[in-house]
Amino acid sequence: MAAGLPSALALPLALWLPLWMAWRSHSLLRRALLLTGFPLALVLQGQVVMPPWLWLAPLSLLLLMYPVRAWRDAPLFPTAHDALKGLSRLLVLEAGDESGAPAILDAGCGLGHALRALRHEWPDARLQGVERSVVLAALAACWRRDAQIRVGDMWRESWSDLDVVYLFQRPESMPRAWHKACAEMRPGSWLVSLEFEVPGHAPEVRLDNPDGRPVMAWRIPPRPRATQWPPAQADKSDMRRPQAAC
């Protein structure tokens, strides 16, 4: 328009690049961001006049979808429907209920995309999802009626009765998730992460996706036995301070 082109021609020329990038994107959220970016730029530049109160609508929606207490966790990153394809053949699940159905949790389930991928791999599993956002949890419960979805804090809930915990969080969340899994989950159960590794721990299973994002799984190791000190037969005169367990 600054070069003298009419708006009917200038707008399509300006939109072709974000439209092409949105078409090439595999994520619904990325497509939405790419498609709304240019119109938002026009609004910020004053090309389109909006009433001041209208700016509160997206802010209110954002706070409703993402409570402040959830800002340290990952935003809405959907898991592709085929992201976990073949994972069930690589994981040996040693536990389960009397029927043999494994208990699988999607920690931070969002809209339930990962629950769909998990159901494809384990058709008979007892799927669970936990999500901080009331809105996202309600939408996921409507979409994934084959899973038990609840509103809650994944870090405060117990993982002790689970066979698999799936995460698609942040890199900064992985050490905390590994510590929680080792402290609460049964030895032989699995922690599964899409894209992000546990620092200092090589995954026992690695599955490469067509889009380049790997799926990694760690088997929960046996807990170290508590060592009695001093030994029952020890001579008190020969007592020494025990070394700290690693």
Protein backbone atom coordinates (compact mmCIF):
# COMPACT_ATOMS: atom_id res chain seq x y z
CA MET A 1 0.00 0.00 0.00
CA ALA A 2 2.91 2.33 0.67
CA ALA A 3 4.09 1.64 -2.89
CA GLY A 4 0.72 2.68 -4.26
CA LEU A 5 -0.88 -0.77 -4.65
CA PRO A 6 -4.61 -1.00 -3.92
CA SER A 7 -5.53 -2.80 -0.69
CA ALA A 8 -7.31 -5.56 -2.63
CA LEU A 9 -3.94 -6.49 -4.16
CA ALA A 10 -1.64 -5.55 -1.28
CA LEU A 11 -3.39 -7.79 1.26
CA PRO A 12 -3.09 -11.06 -0.74
CA LEU A 13 0.55 -10.28 -1.51
CA ALA A 14 1.24 -9.76 2.19
CA LEU A 15 -0.61 -12.92 3.24
CA TRP A 16 0.92 -15.44 0.86
CA LEU A 17 3.99 -16.11 3.00
CA PRO A 18 2.19 -16.83 6.31
CA LEU A 19 -0.42 -18.86 4.42
CA TRP A 20 2.32 -20.98 2.83
CA MET A 21 4.09 -21.44 6.18
CA ALA A 22 0.81 -22.39 7.89
CA TRP A 23 0.11 -24.97 5.19
CA ARG A 24 3.55 -26.53 5.72
CA SER A 25 3.16 -26.63 9.52
CA HIS A 26 2.13 -29.89 11.23
CA SER A 27 0.79 -28.23 14.40
CA LEU A 28 -2.70 -26.73 14.65
CA LEU A 29 -1.46 -24.19 17.20
CA ARG A 30 1.37 -23.04 14.93
CA ARG A 31 -1.03 -22.68 12.04
CA ALA A 32 -3.29 -20.48 14.16
CA LEU A 33 -0.37 -18.30 15.26
CA LEU A 34 0.88 -17.89 11.70
CA LEU A 35 -2.55 -17.01 10.33
CA THR A 36 -3.35 -14.47 13.07
CA GLY A 37 0.08 -12.85 13.21
CA PHE A 38 -0.34 -10.48 10.26
CA PRO A 39 -3.85 -9.27 11.19
CA LEU A 40 -2.59 -8.67 14.73
CA ALA A 41 0.30 -6.63 13.32
CA LEU A 42 -2.18 -4.48 11.40
CA VAL A 43 -4.10 -3.85 14.61
CA LEU A 44 -0.95 -2.93 16.52
CA GLN A 45 0.08 -0.51 13.78
CA GLY A 46 -3.25 1.26 13.96
CA GLN A 47 -4.45 0.13 10.55
CA VAL A 48 -7.53 -1.39 12.20
CA VAL A 49 -9.23 0.43 15.07
CA MET A 50 -10.44 -1.70 17.99
CA PRO A 51 -12.21 -0.57 21.17
CA PRO A 52 -9.93 -0.76 24.23
CA TRP A 53 -12.16 -3.19 26.12
CA LEU A 54 -11.86 -5.73 23.30
CA TRP A 55 -8.20 -6.32 24.24
CA LEU A 56 -9.38 -7.86 27.52
CA ALA A 57 -11.16 -10.70 25.71
CA PRO A 58 -8.03 -12.61 24.52
CA LEU A 59 -6.30 -11.89 27.84
CA SER A 60 -9.25 -13.32 29.78
CA LEU A 61 -9.34 -16.36 27.51
CA LEU A 62 -5.61 -16.89 27.99
CA LEU A 63 -5.90 -16.74 31.78
CA LEU A 64 -8.85 -19.11 31.68
CA MET A 65 -6.97 -21.65 29.56
CA TYR A 66 -3.63 -21.22 31.32
CA PRO A 67 -3.90 -20.40 35.03
CA VAL A 68 -0.95 -18.50 36.47
CA ARG A 69 0.15 -21.54 38.48
CA ALA A 70 0.56 -23.48 35.20
CA TRP A 71 2.93 -21.02 33.51
CA ARG A 72 5.99 -23.03 34.54
CA ASP A 73 4.73 -26.04 32.61
CA ALA A 74 4.70 -26.38 28.85
CA PRO A 75 2.09 -24.53 26.77
CA LEU A 76 -0.30 -26.34 24.46
CA PHE A 77 1.92 -28.56 22.28
CA PRO A 78 -0.29 -31.29 20.76
CA THR A 79 1.18 -34.74 20.18
CA ALA A 80 0.83 -35.97 16.60
CA HIS A 81 -1.46 -38.96 16.12
CA ASP A 82 1.42 -41.14 14.88
CA ALA A 83 4.12 -39.77 17.19
CA LEU A 84 4.18 -42.92 19.35
CA LYS A 85 3.74 -45.46 16.55
CA GLY A 86 5.59 -48.68 17.42
CA LEU A 87 6.31 -47.75 21.03
CA SER A 88 4.19 -50.55 22.50
CA ARG A 89 6.42 -53.15 20.80
CA LEU A 90 9.50 -51.73 22.51
CA LEU A 91 8.25 -51.30 26.08
CA VAL A 92 7.91 -54.34 28.32
CA LEU A 93 5.19 -53.59 30.85
CA GLU A 94 5.64 -55.78 33.89
CA ALA A 95 2.68 -54.55 35.91
CA GLY A 96 -1.04 -53.98 35.47
CA ASP A 97 -4.32 -54.76 37.15
CA GLU A 98 -5.91 -58.21 37.41
CA SER A 99 -7.08 -57.96 33.81
CA GLY A 100 -3.56 -57.20 32.64
CA ALA A 101 -4.49 -53.74 31.36
CA PRO A 102 -1.66 -51.24 31.96
CA ALA A 103 -2.33 -47.94 33.71
CA ILE A 104 -1.01 -45.06 31.59
CA LEU A 105 -1.02 -41.36 32.51
CA ASP A 106 -0.66 -38.39 30.18
CA ALA A 107 0.78 -35.77 32.54
CA GLY A 108 -0.45 -32.43 31.22
CA CYS A 109 -2.90 -33.90 28.72
CA GLY A 110 -4.07 -30.61 27.18
CA LEU A 111 -6.80 -31.35 24.63
CA GLY A 112 -6.07 -35.09 24.65
CA HIS A 113 -3.96 -35.52 21.53
CA ALA A 114 -1.44 -37.75 23.31
CA LEU A 115 -4.26 -39.86 24.74
CA ARG A 116 -5.34 -40.58 21.19
CA ALA A 117 -1.81 -41.66 20.27
CA LEU A 118 -1.52 -43.77 23.43
CA ARG A 119 -4.84 -45.48 22.69
CA HIS A 120 -3.57 -46.49 19.25
CA GLU A 121 -0.59 -48.21 20.90
CA TRP A 122 -2.38 -49.75 23.90
CA PRO A 123 -6.03 -50.38 22.96
CA ASP A 124 -6.81 -52.09 26.28
CA ALA A 125 -4.99 -49.63 28.56
CA ARG A 126 -6.58 -47.75 31.44
CA LEU A 127 -5.82 -44.26 30.17
CA GLN A 128 -5.70 -41.27 32.49
CA GLY A 129 -5.06 -37.60 31.87
CA VAL A 130 -4.37 -34.78 34.31
CA GLU A 131 -4.53 -31.12 33.31
CA ARG A 132 -4.35 -27.88 35.31
CA SER A 133 -6.62 -25.92 32.99
CA VAL A 134 -10.32 -26.44 33.65
CA VAL A 135 -11.17 -25.46 30.06
CA LEU A 136 -8.68 -27.82 28.43
CA ALA A 137 -9.61 -30.68 30.76
CA ALA A 138 -13.31 -30.25 29.96
CA LEU A 139 -12.65 -30.21 26.21
CA ALA A 140 -10.39 -33.25 26.47
CA ALA A 141 -13.02 -35.13 28.50
CA CYS A 142 -15.61 -34.46 25.80
CA TRP A 143 -13.27 -35.63 23.04
CA ARG A 144 -11.58 -38.57 24.74
CA ARG A 145 -14.39 -40.40 26.47
CA ASP A 146 -12.25 -43.53 26.62
CA ALA A 147 -9.92 -41.94 29.20
CA GLN A 148 -10.32 -40.74 32.77
CA ILE A 149 -9.46 -37.03 32.68
CA ARG A 150 -9.33 -34.82 35.75
CA VAL A 151 -8.26 -31.33 36.73
CA GLY A 152 -5.18 -31.39 38.92
CA ASP A 153 -1.48 -30.79 39.40
CA MET A 154 0.67 -33.48 37.80
CA TRP A 155 3.46 -32.74 40.28
CA ARG A 156 1.28 -33.30 43.34
CA GLU A 157 -0.53 -36.41 42.18
CA SER A 158 0.91 -39.81 43.01
CA TRP A 159 2.40 -41.90 40.21
CA SER A 160 2.75 -45.02 42.37
CA ASP A 161 0.07 -47.14 40.63
CA LEU A 162 1.07 -46.31 37.05
CA ASP A 163 2.88 -48.43 34.50
CA VAL A 164 3.65 -45.62 32.04
CA VAL A 165 3.80 -41.85 32.50
CA TYR A 166 3.94 -39.84 29.27
CA LEU A 167 5.25 -36.26 29.15
CA PHE A 168 5.60 -33.58 26.51
CA GLN A 169 6.78 -30.73 28.69
CA ARG A 170 9.84 -28.48 28.79
CA PRO A 171 13.51 -29.50 28.95
CA GLU A 172 13.64 -27.87 32.39
CA SER A 173 10.85 -30.18 33.61
CA MET A 174 12.62 -33.44 32.86
CA PRO A 175 14.96 -33.66 35.92
CA ARG A 176 11.99 -33.04 38.19
CA ALA A 177 9.90 -35.65 36.36
CA TRP A 178 12.70 -38.23 36.59
CA HIS A 179 13.15 -37.62 40.31
CA LYS A 180 9.41 -37.97 40.91
CA ALA A 181 9.20 -41.13 38.79
CA CYS A 182 12.10 -42.80 40.62
CA ALA A 183 10.64 -41.87 44.00
CA GLU A 184 7.06 -43.00 43.34
CA MET A 185 6.76 -45.39 40.41
CA ARG A 186 7.30 -49.14 40.63
CA PRO A 187 10.62 -50.54 39.41
CA GLY A 188 10.15 -51.78 35.86
CA SER A 189 7.59 -49.12 34.93
CA TRP A 190 8.37 -46.45 32.33
CA LEU A 191 8.75 -42.69 31.98
CA VAL A 192 8.18 -41.62 28.35
CA SER A 193 9.03 -38.21 26.91
CA LEU A 194 8.52 -36.72 23.48
CA GLU A 195 11.53 -34.72 22.24
CA PHE A 196 13.16 -33.86 25.59
CA GLU A 197 15.76 -35.98 27.42
CA VAL A 198 16.54 -36.56 31.07
CA PRO A 199 19.97 -34.94 31.59
CA GLY A 200 22.61 -37.47 32.55
CA HIS A 201 20.45 -40.54 31.84
CA ALA A 202 20.54 -42.28 28.49
CA PRO A 203 17.12 -43.58 27.41
CA GLU A 204 16.67 -47.32 27.28
CA VAL A 205 14.30 -46.98 24.31
CA ARG A 206 14.48 -44.39 21.56
CA LEU A 207 12.01 -44.10 18.70
CA ASP A 208 12.58 -41.59 15.90
CA ASN A 209 9.53 -39.88 14.42
CA PRO A 210 9.10 -38.89 10.76
CA ASP A 211 8.99 -35.23 11.82
CA GLY A 212 12.38 -35.53 13.53
CA ARG A 213 11.21 -35.43 17.15
CA PRO A 214 12.32 -38.54 19.06
CA VAL A 215 10.34 -40.46 21.65
CA MET A 216 12.48 -41.62 24.57
CA ALA A 217 11.66 -43.99 27.43
CA TRP A 218 13.43 -44.73 30.70
CA ARG A 219 12.77 -47.83 32.79
CA ILE A 220 12.43 -47.05 36.50
CA PRO A 221 15.34 -48.76 38.31
CA PRO A 222 15.06 -50.72 41.56
CA ARG A 223 15.26 -48.59 44.67
CA PRO A 224 18.44 -48.99 46.71
CA ARG A 225 18.05 -50.96 49.91
CA ALA A 226 18.36 -49.10 53.16
CA THR A 227 21.62 -49.98 54.92
CA GLN A 228 21.51 -50.58 58.66
CA TRP A 229 24.13 -48.69 60.63
CA PRO A 230 25.90 -49.83 62.67
CA PRO A 231 25.85 -53.51 61.59
CA ALA A 232 24.25 -55.84 64.12
CA GLN A 233 27.50 -57.74 64.78
CA ALA A 234 29.76 -54.73 64.79
CA ASP A 235 31.99 -53.96 67.72
CA LYS A 236 31.07 -50.57 69.13
CA SER A 237 34.72 -49.76 69.59
CA ASP A 238 35.22 -50.11 65.82
CA MET A 239 32.36 -47.83 64.76
CA ARG A 240 33.07 -45.37 61.98
CA ARG A 241 30.84 -42.75 60.40
CA PRO A 242 29.08 -44.25 57.37
CA GLN A 243 29.63 -42.74 53.95
CA ALA A 244 26.72 -41.04 52.25
CA ALA A 245 24.86 -43.17 49.72
CA CYS A 246 25.22 -42.03 46.11
